[in-house]
Amino acid sequence: MAWVTLSLGSNIDPTNQIKSCLDALLLQFNDLSLSSVFESEAVGFEGDNFLNMVVGIETEVGIADLSKLLKDIEDKHGRDRSQPKFSGRCLDIDILTCGSLSGKHGGINLPRTEITENAFVLWPLTQIDGKGKHPVSGKTYSDLWSMFDKEKQKLWPVDFEWHGRKISVSN
């Protein structure tokens, strides 16, 4: 079994999209480790704010098959792949890490570079795997977050409930 972390994001009907995505992931993986849900400004384009979170799963599914499964979930949630890379999204699911793998695996570059570039990835990743080590730098995600320039990107936790469970609360 491999410990895999996934980044979820949406800025089109984001509350419903994230909840529905979590339902789809739960059907596939049975047990999910969930970060808080964060709101952030769009990065790379002008647009509505995003809701983001990180989900951890244990799986025996290979990277290529996992990527296909996640793309299928995105597609079922209305993902339009003809849109520019930096644009609004119904749902975006990215594989961040798979154990200590680094390099290209199943067509996916691991670990995702967004881990060290975007607060909306690193802060929630720190919540579910703070002691985990970045496969390239060897630094823990908590250490990477403590060194991150938090003024670079605006990010804040939001009230979010899923299946009657409070996932996160705003400050």
Protein backbone atom coordinates (compact mmCIF):
# COMPACT_ATOMS: atom_id res chain seq x y z
CA MET A 1 0.00 0.00 0.00
CA ALA A 2 1.24 3.45 -0.86
CA TRP A 3 0.43 6.69 0.97
CA VAL A 4 -0.76 9.11 -1.70
CA THR A 5 -1.69 12.75 -1.23
CA LEU A 6 -4.10 14.55 -3.52
CA SER A 7 -4.81 18.24 -3.94
CA LEU A 8 -8.46 19.19 -4.56
CA GLY A 9 -9.52 22.59 -5.84
CA SER A 10 -12.59 24.29 -7.30
CA ASN A 11 -13.84 27.79 -7.96
CA ILE A 12 -17.10 26.93 -9.78
CA ASP A 13 -19.76 25.90 -7.24
CA PRO A 14 -16.81 24.93 -5.06
CA THR A 15 -18.61 23.78 -1.90
CA ASN A 16 -20.76 21.28 -3.78
CA GLN A 17 -17.91 20.22 -6.05
CA ILE A 18 -15.56 19.47 -3.14
CA LYS A 19 -18.26 17.58 -1.20
CA SER A 20 -19.19 15.52 -4.25
CA CYS A 21 -15.52 14.81 -4.97
CA LEU A 22 -15.00 13.61 -1.40
CA ASP A 23 -18.01 11.29 -1.83
CA ALA A 24 -16.48 9.87 -5.03
CA LEU A 25 -13.07 9.39 -3.37
CA LEU A 26 -14.66 7.71 -0.34
CA LEU A 27 -16.38 5.18 -2.61
CA GLN A 28 -13.01 4.31 -4.15
CA PHE A 29 -10.71 4.36 -1.12
CA ASN A 30 -12.93 3.88 1.97
CA ASP A 31 -10.71 5.91 4.29
CA LEU A 32 -9.67 9.50 3.68
CA SER A 33 -7.34 11.73 5.68
CA LEU A 34 -8.66 15.27 5.29
CA SER A 35 -7.04 18.65 5.74
CA SER A 36 -9.03 21.75 6.50
CA VAL A 37 -10.67 23.47 3.56
CA PHE A 38 -9.05 26.76 2.59
CA GLU A 39 -10.19 29.65 0.44
CA SER A 40 -7.62 31.34 -1.73
CA GLU A 41 -7.47 33.91 -4.44
CA ALA A 42 -7.03 32.64 -7.99
CA VAL A 43 -3.35 32.20 -8.90
CA GLY A 44 -2.17 32.91 -12.43
CA PHE A 45 -5.41 34.52 -13.64
CA GLU A 46 -8.23 36.83 -12.57
CA GLY A 47 -11.16 34.79 -11.32
CA ASP A 48 -13.35 33.75 -8.43
CA ASN A 49 -11.70 32.48 -5.27
CA PHE A 50 -10.95 28.78 -4.95
CA LEU A 51 -11.66 26.25 -2.23
CA ASN A 52 -8.72 23.89 -1.76
CA MET A 53 -7.81 20.98 0.46
CA VAL A 54 -5.51 17.96 0.56
CA VAL A 55 -6.68 14.37 0.92
CA GLY A 56 -4.50 11.44 1.92
CA ILE A 57 -5.28 7.87 0.86
CA GLU A 58 -3.70 4.44 1.14
CA THR A 59 -3.91 2.59 -2.16
CA GLU A 60 -2.51 -0.27 -4.17
CA VAL A 61 -3.64 1.40 -7.40
CA GLY A 62 -0.68 2.31 -9.63
CA ILE A 63 -0.01 5.94 -10.53
CA ALA A 64 -1.22 5.68 -14.16
CA ASP A 65 -4.47 3.96 -13.14
CA LEU A 66 -4.95 6.38 -10.25
CA SER A 67 -4.46 9.33 -12.59
CA LYS A 68 -7.10 7.92 -14.96
CA LEU A 69 -9.53 7.34 -12.09
CA LEU A 70 -9.05 10.93 -10.85
CA LYS A 71 -9.52 12.34 -14.37
CA ASP A 72 -12.75 10.36 -14.63
CA ILE A 73 -13.95 11.94 -11.37
CA GLU A 74 -13.01 15.39 -12.69
CA ASP A 75 -14.85 14.71 -15.96
CA LYS A 76 -17.98 13.57 -14.12
CA HIS A 77 -17.86 16.89 -12.26
CA GLY A 78 -17.86 18.91 -15.49
CA ARG A 79 -14.14 19.45 -16.04
CA ASP A 80 -13.55 21.13 -19.41
CA ARG A 81 -10.07 20.20 -20.59
CA SER A 82 -10.22 22.61 -23.53
CA GLN A 83 -9.88 25.58 -21.15
CA PRO A 84 -6.49 27.27 -20.58
CA LYS A 85 -4.31 25.88 -17.78
CA PHE A 86 -4.88 28.97 -15.65
CA SER A 87 -8.66 29.33 -15.63
CA GLY A 88 -11.70 28.59 -13.49
CA ARG A 89 -12.29 24.95 -12.61
CA CYS A 90 -15.30 22.88 -11.61
CA LEU A 91 -12.86 20.42 -10.09
CA ASP A 92 -9.12 19.87 -10.16
CA ILE A 93 -7.52 16.81 -8.53
CA ASP A 94 -3.73 16.50 -8.60
CA ILE A 95 -1.55 13.69 -7.29
CA LEU A 96 0.95 15.48 -5.05
CA THR A 97 2.99 12.59 -3.67
CA CYS A 98 3.11 8.81 -3.72
CA GLY A 99 5.29 7.59 -0.89
CA SER A 100 8.86 8.69 -1.50
CA LEU A 101 8.68 8.50 -5.30
CA SER A 102 10.36 11.22 -7.30
CA GLY A 103 10.65 11.63 -11.04
CA LYS A 104 8.16 10.65 -13.73
CA HIS A 105 5.87 7.75 -12.81
CA GLY A 106 2.83 6.71 -14.82
CA GLY A 107 3.10 9.94 -16.80
CA ILE A 108 3.01 12.06 -13.63
CA ASN A 109 5.93 14.11 -12.27
CA LEU A 110 6.29 13.42 -8.54
CA PRO A 111 6.36 15.15 -6.22
CA ARG A 112 4.24 17.96 -7.73
CA THR A 113 6.17 21.22 -7.94
CA GLU A 114 3.08 23.05 -6.58
CA ILE A 115 3.88 21.67 -3.13
CA THR A 116 6.66 24.20 -2.63
CA GLU A 117 5.12 26.93 -4.81
CA ASN A 118 1.56 27.33 -3.53
CA ALA A 119 0.28 27.98 -0.03
CA PHE A 120 -3.05 26.35 -0.93
CA VAL A 121 -1.17 23.07 -1.42
CA LEU A 122 1.54 23.24 1.24
CA TRP A 123 -0.50 24.40 4.25
CA PRO A 124 -3.18 21.67 3.92
CA LEU A 125 -0.50 19.06 3.11
CA THR A 126 1.22 20.04 6.34
CA GLN A 127 -2.01 19.35 8.24
CA ILE A 128 -2.26 15.73 7.15
CA ASP A 129 1.43 14.86 6.68
CA GLY A 130 3.49 17.51 8.47
CA LYS A 131 6.19 15.05 9.50
CA GLY A 132 6.35 13.58 6.01
CA LYS A 133 9.46 14.39 4.02
CA HIS A 134 9.52 15.99 0.60
CA PRO A 135 11.10 13.30 -1.63
CA VAL A 136 13.50 15.76 -3.27
CA SER A 137 14.51 18.28 -0.59
CA GLY A 138 14.29 15.83 2.33
CA LYS A 139 12.69 18.58 4.44
CA THR A 140 9.47 17.90 6.31
CA TYR A 141 6.35 19.57 5.01
CA SER A 142 6.09 21.40 8.34
CA ASP A 143 9.60 22.79 7.86
CA LEU A 144 8.80 23.80 4.29
CA TRP A 145 5.65 25.58 5.52
CA SER A 146 7.55 27.39 8.28
CA MET A 147 9.96 28.74 5.61
CA PHE A 148 7.21 29.62 3.10
CA ASP A 149 6.60 33.31 2.36
CA LYS A 150 3.04 33.52 3.66
CA GLU A 151 2.60 37.06 2.32
CA LYS A 152 3.02 35.77 -1.24
CA GLN A 153 -0.47 34.23 -1.46
CA LYS A 154 -3.64 34.98 0.50
CA LEU A 155 -5.13 31.86 2.09
CA TRP A 156 -7.55 31.32 4.95
CA PRO A 157 -9.45 28.36 6.45
CA VAL A 158 -13.22 28.34 5.96
CA ASP A 159 -16.12 26.68 7.72
CA PHE A 160 -16.76 23.40 5.91
CA GLU A 161 -18.91 20.43 6.81
CA TRP A 162 -19.15 17.08 5.05
CA HIS A 163 -21.53 14.31 6.12
CA GLY A 164 -22.24 16.17 9.34
CA ARG A 165 -18.53 16.34 10.21
CA LYS A 166 -16.78 19.67 10.61
CA ILE A 167 -13.70 19.46 8.44
CA SER A 168 -12.59 22.99 9.12
CA VAL A 169 -13.58 26.20 10.82
CA SER A 170 -12.71 29.76 9.96
CA ASN A 171 -10.53 31.72 12.35
